[in-house]
């Protein structure tokens, strides 16, 4: 399955990646599984996206939870939580 990954704000700055196309292993079927798979890329990825980090995610431009299923051609975005005032 192929997905488009988008990273925003501090995540983009920390990892030096704004977007990329990924070919995922068969076992990566949810947004949460993608997050864990990305963490395995190395310490910077694990620090930025690890389970102890608060990270929001969107699937095809809709905010979703980690259990959201991925589909071929999906667009997945990770971004820090937004605060306003």
Protein backbone atom coordinates (compact mmCIF):
# COMPACT_ATOMS: atom_id res chain seq x y z
CA UNK A 1 0.00 0.00 0.00
CA UNK A 2 1.24 3.47 -0.83
CA UNK A 3 0.39 6.56 1.24
CA UNK A 4 1.40 10.20 1.19
CA UNK A 5 2.89 11.39 4.48
CA UNK A 6 2.66 15.06 5.48
CA UNK A 7 4.45 16.56 8.48
CA UNK A 8 3.66 20.02 9.81
CA UNK A 9 5.13 22.69 12.05
CA UNK A 10 7.69 21.49 14.62
CA UNK A 11 7.55 17.91 13.30
CA UNK A 12 8.53 19.07 9.83
CA UNK A 13 11.33 21.22 11.24
CA UNK A 14 12.69 18.51 13.54
CA UNK A 15 12.64 15.75 10.92
CA UNK A 16 13.53 17.86 7.88
CA UNK A 17 10.68 16.35 5.87
CA UNK A 18 7.52 18.10 4.72
CA UNK A 19 6.08 15.23 2.68
CA UNK A 20 6.97 11.93 1.10
CA UNK A 21 5.39 8.95 -0.59
CA UNK A 22 5.73 5.74 1.38
CA UNK A 23 5.35 2.12 0.35
CA UNK A 24 4.11 0.44 3.52
CA UNK A 25 4.58 -3.16 4.66
CA UNK A 26 1.42 -5.29 4.70
CA UNK A 27 1.23 -5.16 8.50
CA UNK A 28 0.79 -1.35 8.57
CA UNK A 29 -2.99 -1.03 8.34
CA UNK A 30 -3.88 1.87 10.66
CA UNK A 31 -2.69 5.39 11.38
CA UNK A 32 -1.32 4.13 14.71
CA UNK A 33 0.61 1.33 13.03
CA UNK A 34 2.05 3.88 10.59
CA UNK A 35 3.13 6.06 13.51
CA UNK A 36 4.93 3.12 15.15
CA UNK A 37 6.51 2.11 11.84
CA UNK A 38 7.81 5.66 11.38
CA UNK A 39 9.24 5.63 14.92
CA UNK A 40 11.37 2.64 13.90
CA UNK A 41 13.17 4.84 11.34
CA UNK A 42 15.53 6.09 14.04
CA UNK A 43 15.90 8.10 17.23
CA UNK A 44 14.78 11.43 15.74
CA UNK A 45 11.58 9.85 14.45
CA UNK A 46 10.97 8.02 17.72
CA UNK A 47 11.47 11.23 19.70
CA UNK A 48 9.18 13.26 17.44
CA UNK A 49 6.36 10.71 17.02
CA UNK A 50 6.78 8.35 19.99
CA UNK A 51 3.89 7.26 22.18
CA UNK A 52 4.80 9.77 24.90
CA UNK A 53 4.41 12.66 22.43
CA UNK A 54 1.10 14.39 21.85
CA UNK A 55 0.64 14.33 18.11
CA UNK A 56 -2.56 14.94 16.17
CA UNK A 57 -3.24 13.05 12.96
CA UNK A 58 -5.43 13.48 9.94
CA UNK A 59 -6.43 11.00 7.28
CA UNK A 60 -7.50 12.47 3.94
CA UNK A 61 -7.85 15.89 5.60
CA UNK A 62 -10.07 14.70 8.47
CA UNK A 63 -8.79 14.52 12.03
CA UNK A 64 -8.85 10.88 13.14
CA UNK A 65 -7.71 8.62 15.94
CA UNK A 66 -4.88 6.14 15.74
CA UNK A 67 -7.29 3.29 15.02
CA UNK A 68 -8.33 4.78 11.66
CA UNK A 69 -7.73 2.32 8.82
CA UNK A 70 -5.41 3.25 5.98
CA UNK A 71 -6.20 2.72 2.34
CA UNK A 72 -4.06 2.76 -0.77
CA UNK A 73 -3.44 6.33 -1.88
CA UNK A 74 -4.38 7.82 1.49
CA UNK A 75 -2.93 11.09 2.70
CA UNK A 76 -1.78 10.99 6.33
CA UNK A 77 -0.73 14.10 8.21
CA UNK A 78 0.91 14.36 11.61
CA UNK A 79 1.06 17.68 13.42
CA UNK A 80 1.54 19.03 16.92
CA UNK A 81 -1.64 19.94 18.79
CA UNK A 82 -2.84 23.46 18.10
CA UNK A 83 -3.61 25.92 20.85
CA UNK A 84 -5.41 29.15 20.38
CA UNK A 85 -6.51 32.07 22.36
